[in-house]
Structure formats: structure tokens, C-alpha cells
């Protein structure tokens, strides 16, 4: 089960396509409803599932509006019993204005109109870490964290005057990304260092930073606007899944 936002969707789509391409004649069953999607390869009794939850922590309706609860994970009941869990979050924590789906953040009994987003992310991810420690049996379930998927909206990050990834056809040259790791990746490392249960970091951040050419903008005629945060299929998420496979094998 992939658990997270639209970047989890990217990797879920990639993995199901890779499996289907290697065994094209298998019987499959596809289910998509609300926050849950699955592809079952019936000949093997294997299901690849996506649970859509952009923040991992709960977002609920309250009398004051929509509240992002930094210390609550009620949705976690749906994640139990999986052989593998691949978590991801960050993409939506930075959204503001009309793209921000909540009115308040809440921790304990205190509600906040806003909060430094990295601090909020740290609090939410720490809640997720506690959920893993309390609910995962490592003898039955392998846990991965997908890592921070970067964006390419600022050309100065790779030392170019361009405003975005639009028109980019080549990866960043060299072996390092000029802007360095995003701050959110440091938050992930800090939380994972304190978690007691084994969690494997699928560290895709820097290799993805180098792929300023791998976004849908400029390739998909049906994709409106400038999308420099998601990734083309097939493309970079296939590499993420090759790394996931290598981690499982070794």
C-alpha cells in the first residue's frame, strides 16, 4: 500500500504499469473509490493499493471550518495488515491561499490560523512516526518512506535564468544539485532518526532534483498549466520503483 499524496499516486501508477508490462496477460481487477484505489493481479493474489491522504495526519470538518489535526491519525486503521507500506507527504504542506484546503491547524486543544510550515510538517510527521512505532509489526510489515520529491519552479536553483521546468530537455549536469537538499528532507531525516521501528528511507530527493526535464509540462498536451512538481509516466517514478525493488531484494 502506498499512503500519501499525488506523488504517491505517481509511484503507484508506475509500479502497476511496470508489473503489467512484465506480465501483460495476467488477469487484473481495478477498483477506485474515494481515497482508496487498487490493482489486483489475480493470478498471483497480489494487490497494489493507494490510500490518498495528502498530510498523513487527519483533516476534519469542525464548527470553525476544516481543521488539519497535527497530532491525530484516525485514518491509520485502514493501513493495518499490509505486507508493505510506502509513505509519502510534503507536497501539500506548502500550499496557501485558495489551494490550501484547511482553515486551521490544531495540536491538542489549541487551534492555529497558521504556523511555520516546516514546524507543522515536523509535528505531523512525528505523529506519523508514533503511529508506526505503536502499530507496525516489523515481522509482518515492511515500512518505507518515499522521501521528498522536489519541484523545479525556480531556475536559479540549477543556475539558469529560466522560471520553471518548461522547455527543459536535459537533466542537470554534474553530480550535485546547486541549491542543495530542500529543508523538508532534513525534517524527514530528523524524524526517521528517532523512530524505533525499522523504516527504510527511499532517498529519491537528489536524483530527482537532477531531473528538471522529467515533469509533465511540455510533454502532455492534456495537462493544463505549468506542472513542475509531478513526473512523467513512464519516467522518473520508474527509477524510484527500481530502487524499491532493489531494497526489497537486498
C-alpha atoms as a PDB file:
ATOM      1  CA  UNK A   1       0.000   0.000   0.000  1.00  0.00           C
ATOM      2  CA  UNK A   2       1.201   3.462  -0.967  1.00  0.00           C
ATOM      3  CA  UNK A   3      -0.024   6.057   1.542  1.00  0.00           C
ATOM      4  CA  UNK A   4       0.255   9.743   0.720  1.00  0.00           C
ATOM      5  CA  UNK A   5      -0.438  12.438  -1.842  1.00  0.00           C
ATOM      6  CA  UNK A   6      -0.284  12.730  -5.639  1.00  0.00           C
ATOM      7  CA  UNK A   7       3.421  11.828  -5.652  1.00  0.00           C
ATOM      8  CA  UNK A   8       2.398   8.503  -4.115  1.00  0.00           C
ATOM      9  CA  UNK A   9      -0.093   8.280  -6.989  1.00  0.00           C
ATOM     10  CA  UNK A  10       2.811   8.822  -9.399  1.00  0.00           C
ATOM     11  CA  UNK A  11       4.770   5.916  -7.920  1.00  0.00           C
ATOM     12  CA  UNK A  12       1.698   3.661  -7.601  1.00  0.00           C
ATOM     13  CA  UNK A  13       0.825   4.198 -11.272  1.00  0.00           C
ATOM     14  CA  UNK A  14       4.415   3.493 -12.262  1.00  0.00           C
ATOM     15  CA  UNK A  15       4.634   0.258 -10.277  1.00  0.00           C
ATOM     16  CA  UNK A  16       1.347  -1.140 -11.556  1.00  0.00           C
ATOM     17  CA  UNK A  17       2.402  -0.317 -15.140  1.00  0.00           C
ATOM     18  CA  UNK A  18       5.813  -1.967 -14.657  1.00  0.00           C
ATOM     19  CA  UNK A  19       4.238  -5.142 -13.274  1.00  0.00           C
ATOM     20  CA  UNK A  20       1.631  -5.239 -16.035  1.00  0.00           C
ATOM     21  CA  UNK A  21       4.242  -4.665 -18.735  1.00  0.00           C
ATOM     22  CA  UNK A  22       6.295  -7.631 -17.481  1.00  0.00           C
ATOM     23  CA  UNK A  23       3.239  -9.922 -17.349  1.00  0.00           C
ATOM     24  CA  UNK A  24       0.757  -8.426 -19.857  1.00  0.00           C
ATOM     25  CA  UNK A  25      -1.559 -11.456 -19.996  1.00  0.00           C
ATOM     26  CA  UNK A  26      -2.373 -11.575 -16.283  1.00  0.00           C
ATOM     27  CA  UNK A  27      -5.957 -11.147 -15.149  1.00  0.00           C
ATOM     28  CA  UNK A  28      -6.337  -7.862 -13.303  1.00  0.00           C
ATOM     29  CA  UNK A  29      -9.065  -6.164 -11.299  1.00  0.00           C
ATOM     30  CA  UNK A  30      -9.083  -2.386 -10.789  1.00  0.00           C
ATOM     31  CA  UNK A  31     -11.018  -0.626  -8.016  1.00  0.00           C
ATOM     32  CA  UNK A  32     -11.089   3.157  -7.493  1.00  0.00           C
ATOM     33  CA  UNK A  33     -13.318   4.745  -4.877  1.00  0.00           C
ATOM     34  CA  UNK A  34     -12.919   7.840  -2.696  1.00  0.00           C
ATOM     35  CA  UNK A  35      -9.461   7.732  -1.100  1.00  0.00           C
ATOM     36  CA  UNK A  36      -8.709   4.079  -1.960  1.00  0.00           C
ATOM     37  CA  UNK A  37      -7.535   2.637  -5.283  1.00  0.00           C
ATOM     38  CA  UNK A  38      -6.182  -0.816  -6.034  1.00  0.00           C
ATOM     39  CA  UNK A  39      -4.948  -3.019  -8.853  1.00  0.00           C
ATOM     40  CA  UNK A  40      -5.103  -6.755  -8.133  1.00  0.00           C
ATOM     41  CA  UNK A  41      -3.076  -9.210 -10.200  1.00  0.00           C
ATOM     42  CA  UNK A  42      -5.470 -12.089  -9.755  1.00  0.00           C
ATOM     43  CA  UNK A  43      -3.208 -14.924 -10.948  1.00  0.00           C
ATOM     44  CA  UNK A  44      -0.857 -14.177  -8.046  1.00  0.00           C
ATOM     45  CA  UNK A  45      -3.281 -12.798  -5.477  1.00  0.00           C
ATOM     46  CA  UNK A  46      -1.253  -9.588  -5.245  1.00  0.00           C
ATOM     47  CA  UNK A  47      -2.833  -6.182  -4.778  1.00  0.00           C
ATOM     48  CA  UNK A  48      -1.042  -2.839  -5.185  1.00  0.00           C
ATOM     49  CA  UNK A  49      -3.072  -0.284  -3.254  1.00  0.00           C
ATOM     50  CA  UNK A  50      -3.072   3.510  -2.999  1.00  0.00           C
ATOM     51  CA  UNK A  51      -4.539   5.295   0.021  1.00  0.00           C
ATOM     52  CA  UNK A  52      -4.819   9.006  -0.746  1.00  0.00           C
ATOM     53  CA  UNK A  53      -4.114  11.224   2.278  1.00  0.00           C
ATOM     54  CA  UNK A  54      -2.009  14.312   1.484  1.00  0.00           C
ATOM     55  CA  UNK A  55      -0.870  15.030   5.052  1.00  0.00           C
ATOM     56  CA  UNK A  56      -0.888  11.532   6.638  1.00  0.00           C
ATOM     57  CA  UNK A  57      -2.438  13.210   9.700  1.00  0.00           C
ATOM     58  CA  UNK A  58      -6.203  13.813   9.840  1.00  0.00           C
ATOM     59  CA  UNK A  59      -8.119  16.649   8.254  1.00  0.00           C
ATOM     60  CA  UNK A  60     -11.643  17.018   9.686  1.00  0.00           C
ATOM     61  CA  UNK A  61     -14.677  19.269   9.466  1.00  0.00           C
ATOM     62  CA  UNK A  62     -15.317  21.316  12.611  1.00  0.00           C
ATOM     63  CA  UNK A  63     -17.696  24.143  13.537  1.00  0.00           C
ATOM     64  CA  UNK A  64     -14.891  26.594  12.721  1.00  0.00           C
ATOM     65  CA  UNK A  65     -14.229  25.019   9.304  1.00  0.00           C
ATOM     66  CA  UNK A  66     -11.731  22.452   8.063  1.00  0.00           C
ATOM     67  CA  UNK A  67      -9.048  21.603  10.610  1.00  0.00           C
ATOM     68  CA  UNK A  68      -5.696  19.893   9.996  1.00  0.00           C
ATOM     69  CA  UNK A  69      -5.020  17.913  13.186  1.00  0.00           C
ATOM     70  CA  UNK A  70      -1.268  17.663  13.619  1.00  0.00           C
ATOM     71  CA  UNK A  71      -1.462  15.071  16.393  1.00  0.00           C
ATOM     72  CA  UNK A  72      -4.152  12.699  15.108  1.00  0.00           C
ATOM     73  CA  UNK A  73      -4.177   9.766  12.667  1.00  0.00           C
ATOM     74  CA  UNK A  74      -7.583   8.105  12.678  1.00  0.00           C
ATOM     75  CA  UNK A  75      -7.181   7.061   9.033  1.00  0.00           C
ATOM     76  CA  UNK A  76      -4.360   4.750  10.103  1.00  0.00           C
ATOM     77  CA  UNK A  77      -6.842   1.968  10.813  1.00  0.00           C
ATOM     78  CA  UNK A  78      -7.080   1.449   7.034  1.00  0.00           C
ATOM     79  CA  UNK A  79      -3.341   0.853   6.739  1.00  0.00           C
ATOM     80  CA  UNK A  80      -3.123  -2.160   9.042  1.00  0.00           C
ATOM     81  CA  UNK A  81      -2.420  -5.672   7.817  1.00  0.00           C
ATOM     82  CA  UNK A  82      -0.350  -4.735   4.756  1.00  0.00           C
ATOM     83  CA  UNK A  83       2.818  -6.607   3.783  1.00  0.00           C
ATOM     84  CA  UNK A  84       4.372  -3.309   2.685  1.00  0.00           C
ATOM     85  CA  UNK A  85       3.621   0.331   3.472  1.00  0.00           C
ATOM     86  CA  UNK A  86       5.248   3.113   1.427  1.00  0.00           C
ATOM     87  CA  UNK A  87       4.509   6.516   2.970  1.00  0.00           C
ATOM     88  CA  UNK A  88       4.916   9.983   1.494  1.00  0.00           C
ATOM     89  CA  UNK A  89       3.929  13.548   2.355  1.00  0.00           C
ATOM     90  CA  UNK A  90       5.100  17.153   1.915  1.00  0.00           C
ATOM     91  CA  UNK A  91       3.689  18.389  -1.407  1.00  0.00           C
ATOM     92  CA  UNK A  92       0.527  19.889   0.146  1.00  0.00           C
ATOM     93  CA  UNK A  93       2.105  21.335   3.291  1.00  0.00           C
ATOM     94  CA  UNK A  94       3.365  24.326   1.310  1.00  0.00           C
ATOM     95  CA  UNK A  95       0.017  25.247  -0.300  1.00  0.00           C
ATOM     96  CA  UNK A  96      -1.519  28.616   0.578  1.00  0.00           C
ATOM     97  CA  UNK A  97      -4.474  30.765  -0.410  1.00  0.00           C
ATOM     98  CA  UNK A  98      -7.158  29.079  -2.499  1.00  0.00           C
ATOM     99  CA  UNK A  99      -5.041  25.918  -2.784  1.00  0.00           C
ATOM    100  CA  UNK A 100      -4.933  25.441   0.987  1.00  0.00           C
ATOM    101  CA  UNK A 101      -7.753  23.054   1.915  1.00  0.00           C
ATOM    102  CA  UNK A 102      -7.838  23.761   5.665  1.00  0.00           C
ATOM    103  CA  UNK A 103      -8.839  26.793   7.753  1.00  0.00           C
ATOM    104  CA  UNK A 104      -6.949  25.959  10.951  1.00  0.00           C
ATOM    105  CA  UNK A 105      -4.192  23.731  12.241  1.00  0.00           C
ATOM    106  CA  UNK A 106      -4.754  22.059  15.595  1.00  0.00           C
ATOM    107  CA  UNK A 107      -2.431  20.500  18.167  1.00  0.00           C
ATOM    108  CA  UNK A 108      -4.081  19.272  21.347  1.00  0.00           C
ATOM    109  CA  UNK A 109      -6.835  21.760  22.153  1.00  0.00           C
ATOM    110  CA  UNK A 110      -5.095  24.717  20.520  1.00  0.00           C
ATOM    111  CA  UNK A 111      -6.050  25.889  17.038  1.00  0.00           C
ATOM    112  CA  UNK A 112      -3.740  27.994  14.880  1.00  0.00           C
ATOM    113  CA  UNK A 113      -4.646  30.104  11.864  1.00  0.00           C
ATOM    114  CA  UNK A 114      -1.186  29.379  10.509  1.00  0.00           C
ATOM    115  CA  UNK A 115       2.196  28.044  11.524  1.00  0.00           C
ATOM    116  CA  UNK A 116       5.675  27.848  10.044  1.00  0.00           C
ATOM    117  CA  UNK A 117       5.144  25.061   7.517  1.00  0.00           C
ATOM    118  CA  UNK A 118       8.368  23.203   8.324  1.00  0.00           C
ATOM    119  CA  UNK A 119       7.435  23.193  12.014  1.00  0.00           C
ATOM    120  CA  UNK A 120       3.930  21.963  11.168  1.00  0.00           C
ATOM    121  CA  UNK A 121       5.434  19.290   8.900  1.00  0.00           C
ATOM    122  CA  UNK A 122       7.750  18.166  11.688  1.00  0.00           C
ATOM    123  CA  UNK A 123       4.841  17.894  14.136  1.00  0.00           C
ATOM    124  CA  UNK A 124       2.692  15.971  11.658  1.00  0.00           C
ATOM    125  CA  UNK A 125       5.493  13.628  10.649  1.00  0.00           C
ATOM    126  CA  UNK A 126       6.323  12.992  14.314  1.00  0.00           C
ATOM    127  CA  UNK A 127       2.695  11.925  14.814  1.00  0.00           C
ATOM    128  CA  UNK A 128       3.105   9.505  11.900  1.00  0.00           C
ATOM    129  CA  UNK A 129       6.322   8.150  13.466  1.00  0.00           C
ATOM    130  CA  UNK A 130       4.478   7.456  16.721  1.00  0.00           C
ATOM    131  CA  UNK A 131       1.761   5.661  14.738  1.00  0.00           C
ATOM    132  CA  UNK A 132       4.388   3.414  13.126  1.00  0.00           C
ATOM    133  CA  UNK A 133       6.006   2.647  16.487  1.00  0.00           C
ATOM    134  CA  UNK A 134       2.658   1.715  18.030  1.00  0.00           C
ATOM    135  CA  UNK A 135       1.007  -0.144  15.148  1.00  0.00           C
ATOM    136  CA  UNK A 136       3.559  -1.820  12.894  1.00  0.00           C
ATOM    137  CA  UNK A 137       4.824  -5.355  13.477  1.00  0.00           C
ATOM    138  CA  UNK A 138       8.151  -5.478  11.604  1.00  0.00           C
ATOM    139  CA  UNK A 139       7.933  -9.270  11.290  1.00  0.00           C
ATOM    140  CA  UNK A 140       4.799  -8.845   9.157  1.00  0.00           C
ATOM    141  CA  UNK A 141       5.077  -5.407   7.544  1.00  0.00           C
ATOM    142  CA  UNK A 142       7.977  -3.649   5.811  1.00  0.00           C
ATOM    143  CA  UNK A 143       7.799   0.144   6.054  1.00  0.00           C
ATOM    144  CA  UNK A 144       9.288   2.626   3.590  1.00  0.00           C
ATOM    145  CA  UNK A 145       9.238   6.406   3.432  1.00  0.00           C
ATOM    146  CA  UNK A 146       9.287   7.661  -0.137  1.00  0.00           C
ATOM    147  CA  UNK A 147      11.435  10.700   0.581  1.00  0.00           C
ATOM    148  CA  UNK A 148      10.903  14.284  -0.537  1.00  0.00           C
ATOM    149  CA  UNK A 149      10.044  14.718  -4.208  1.00  0.00           C
ATOM    150  CA  UNK A 150      11.467  18.071  -5.400  1.00  0.00           C
ATOM    151  CA  UNK A 151       9.936  20.717  -7.659  1.00  0.00           C
ATOM    152  CA  UNK A 152      11.548  22.762 -10.435  1.00  0.00           C
ATOM    153  CA  UNK A 153       9.831  26.157 -10.470  1.00  0.00           C
ATOM    154  CA  UNK A 154      12.927  28.310  -9.844  1.00  0.00           C
ATOM    155  CA  UNK A 155      15.668  28.212 -12.465  1.00  0.00           C
ATOM    156  CA  UNK A 156      18.137  29.814 -10.066  1.00  0.00           C
ATOM    157  CA  UNK A 157      18.165  26.514  -8.142  1.00  0.00           C
ATOM    158  CA  UNK A 158      20.108  24.923 -11.027  1.00  0.00           C
ATOM    159  CA  UNK A 159      21.924  28.115 -12.072  1.00  0.00           C
ATOM    160  CA  UNK A 160      19.772  29.007 -15.062  1.00  0.00           C
ATOM    161  CA  UNK A 161      17.640  32.109 -15.764  1.00  0.00           C
ATOM    162  CA  UNK A 162      14.559  30.036 -16.661  1.00  0.00           C
ATOM    163  CA  UNK A 163      11.496  30.439 -14.458  1.00  0.00           C
ATOM    164  CA  UNK A 164      10.463  26.810 -14.433  1.00  0.00           C
ATOM    165  CA  UNK A 165      10.968  23.350 -15.882  1.00  0.00           C
ATOM    166  CA  UNK A 166       9.059  24.304 -19.033  1.00  0.00           C
ATOM    167  CA  UNK A 167      11.152  23.644 -22.105  1.00  0.00           C
ATOM    168  CA  UNK A 168      13.817  21.712 -20.190  1.00  0.00           C
ATOM    169  CA  UNK A 169      15.046  18.715 -22.186  1.00  0.00           C
ATOM    170  CA  UNK A 170      18.222  17.723 -20.316  1.00  0.00           C
ATOM    171  CA  UNK A 171      18.955  16.760 -16.697  1.00  0.00           C
ATOM    172  CA  UNK A 172      21.122  18.991 -14.510  1.00  0.00           C
ATOM    173  CA  UNK A 173      24.755  18.351 -15.421  1.00  0.00           C
ATOM    174  CA  UNK A 174      27.319  17.259 -12.870  1.00  0.00           C
ATOM    175  CA  UNK A 175      26.935  15.152  -9.750  1.00  0.00           C
ATOM    176  CA  UNK A 176      25.335  17.620  -7.324  1.00  0.00           C
ATOM    177  CA  UNK A 177      22.340  19.954  -7.276  1.00  0.00           C
ATOM    178  CA  UNK A 178      23.382  23.607  -6.890  1.00  0.00           C
ATOM    179  CA  UNK A 179      20.589  24.535  -4.461  1.00  0.00           C
ATOM    180  CA  UNK A 180      21.312  21.617  -2.122  1.00  0.00           C
ATOM    181  CA  UNK A 181      18.704  19.478  -0.390  1.00  0.00           C
ATOM    182  CA  UNK A 182      15.304  21.006   0.436  1.00  0.00           C
ATOM    183  CA  UNK A 183      14.707  21.772   4.108  1.00  0.00           C
ATOM    184  CA  UNK A 184      11.854  19.235   4.202  1.00  0.00           C
ATOM    185  CA  UNK A 185      14.370  16.431   3.544  1.00  0.00           C
ATOM    186  CA  UNK A 186      16.240  17.441   6.693  1.00  0.00           C
ATOM    187  CA  UNK A 187      12.978  17.225   8.653  1.00  0.00           C
ATOM    188  CA  UNK A 188      12.398  13.696   7.325  1.00  0.00           C
ATOM    189  CA  UNK A 189      15.913  12.652   8.352  1.00  0.00           C
ATOM    190  CA  UNK A 190      15.401  14.110  11.837  1.00  0.00           C
ATOM    191  CA  UNK A 191      12.129  12.234  12.383  1.00  0.00           C
ATOM    192  CA  UNK A 192      13.422   8.930  10.983  1.00  0.00           C
ATOM    193  CA  UNK A 193      16.480   9.127  13.244  1.00  0.00           C
ATOM    194  CA  UNK A 194      14.162   8.967  16.274  1.00  0.00           C
ATOM    195  CA  UNK A 195      11.748   6.275  15.130  1.00  0.00           C
ATOM    196  CA  UNK A 196      12.129   2.936  16.921  1.00  0.00           C
ATOM    197  CA  UNK A 197      10.676   0.587  14.307  1.00  0.00           C
ATOM    198  CA  UNK A 198      12.688  -0.102  11.128  1.00  0.00           C
ATOM    199  CA  UNK A 199      11.746   2.319   8.343  1.00  0.00           C
ATOM    200  CA  UNK A 200      13.686   2.337   5.067  1.00  0.00           C
ATOM    201  CA  UNK A 201      14.156   5.772   3.513  1.00  0.00           C
ATOM    202  CA  UNK A 202      13.717   5.528  -0.241  1.00  0.00           C
ATOM    203  CA  UNK A 203      16.014   8.500  -0.736  1.00  0.00           C
ATOM    204  CA  UNK A 204      14.901   9.801  -4.131  1.00  0.00           C
ATOM    205  CA  UNK A 205      15.422  13.504  -3.457  1.00  0.00           C
ATOM    206  CA  UNK A 206      18.760  14.361  -5.063  1.00  0.00           C
ATOM    207  CA  UNK A 207      18.427  12.010  -8.036  1.00  0.00           C
ATOM    208  CA  UNK A 208      15.018  13.611  -8.674  1.00  0.00           C
ATOM    209  CA  UNK A 209      16.439  17.121  -8.292  1.00  0.00           C
ATOM    210  CA  UNK A 210      18.766  16.365 -11.192  1.00  0.00           C
ATOM    211  CA  UNK A 211      15.763  15.557 -13.464  1.00  0.00           C
ATOM    212  CA  UNK A 212      14.455  19.050 -14.245  1.00  0.00           C
ATOM    213  CA  UNK A 213      13.498  17.608 -17.642  1.00  0.00           C
ATOM    214  CA  UNK A 214      11.174  14.886 -16.325  1.00  0.00           C
ATOM    215  CA  UNK A 215       7.983  16.812 -15.485  1.00  0.00           C
ATOM    216  CA  UNK A 216       4.679  16.703 -17.455  1.00  0.00           C
ATOM    217  CA  UNK A 217       4.926  20.343 -18.564  1.00  0.00           C
ATOM    218  CA  UNK A 218       5.772  20.494 -22.254  1.00  0.00           C
ATOM    219  CA  UNK A 219       5.041  16.833 -22.924  1.00  0.00           C
ATOM    220  CA  UNK A 220       1.393  16.248 -22.060  1.00  0.00           C
ATOM    221  CA  UNK A 221      -0.981  18.220 -24.273  1.00  0.00           C
ATOM    222  CA  UNK A 222      -3.892  17.484 -21.920  1.00  0.00           C
ATOM    223  CA  UNK A 223      -2.088  18.799 -18.849  1.00  0.00           C
ATOM    224  CA  UNK A 224      -3.065  22.417 -18.246  1.00  0.00           C
ATOM    225  CA  UNK A 225      -0.729  24.922 -16.665  1.00  0.00           C
ATOM    226  CA  UNK A 226       2.887  24.515 -15.669  1.00  0.00           C
ATOM    227  CA  UNK A 227       3.397  21.323 -13.658  1.00  0.00           C
ATOM    228  CA  UNK A 228       6.947  21.123 -12.360  1.00  0.00           C
ATOM    229  CA  UNK A 229       6.101  19.029  -9.306  1.00  0.00           C
ATOM    230  CA  UNK A 230       4.710  15.772 -10.718  1.00  0.00           C
ATOM    231  CA  UNK A 231       6.552  13.415 -13.064  1.00  0.00           C
ATOM    232  CA  UNK A 232       6.021  11.895 -16.492  1.00  0.00           C
ATOM    233  CA  UNK A 233       4.915   8.286 -16.811  1.00  0.00           C
ATOM    234  CA  UNK A 234       6.916   6.405 -17.880  1.00  0.00           C
ATOM    235  CA  UNK A 235       9.832   8.250 -16.361  1.00  0.00           C
ATOM    236  CA  UNK A 236      11.477   9.074 -13.088  1.00  0.00           C
ATOM    237  CA  UNK A 237       8.999   7.167 -10.821  1.00  0.00           C
ATOM    238  CA  UNK A 238      10.090   4.004 -12.677  1.00  0.00           C
ATOM    239  CA  UNK A 239      13.559   4.625 -11.249  1.00  0.00           C
ATOM    240  CA  UNK A 240      12.054   5.051  -7.774  1.00  0.00           C
ATOM    241  CA  UNK A 241      10.425   1.647  -8.157  1.00  0.00           C
ATOM    242  CA  UNK A 242      13.632   0.032  -9.385  1.00  0.00           C
ATOM    243  CA  UNK A 243      15.240   1.284  -6.170  1.00  0.00           C
ATOM    244  CA  UNK A 244      12.279  -0.005  -4.151  1.00  0.00           C
ATOM    245  CA  UNK A 245      12.726  -3.415  -5.797  1.00  0.00           C
ATOM    246  CA  UNK A 246      16.465  -3.400  -5.057  1.00  0.00           C
ATOM    247  CA  UNK A 247      15.768  -2.526  -1.411  1.00  0.00           C
ATOM    248  CA  UNK A 248      13.310  -5.425  -1.127  1.00  0.00           C
ATOM    249  CA  UNK A 249      15.701  -7.921  -2.721  1.00  0.00           C
ATOM    250  CA  UNK A 250      18.723  -6.925  -0.650  1.00  0.00           C
END
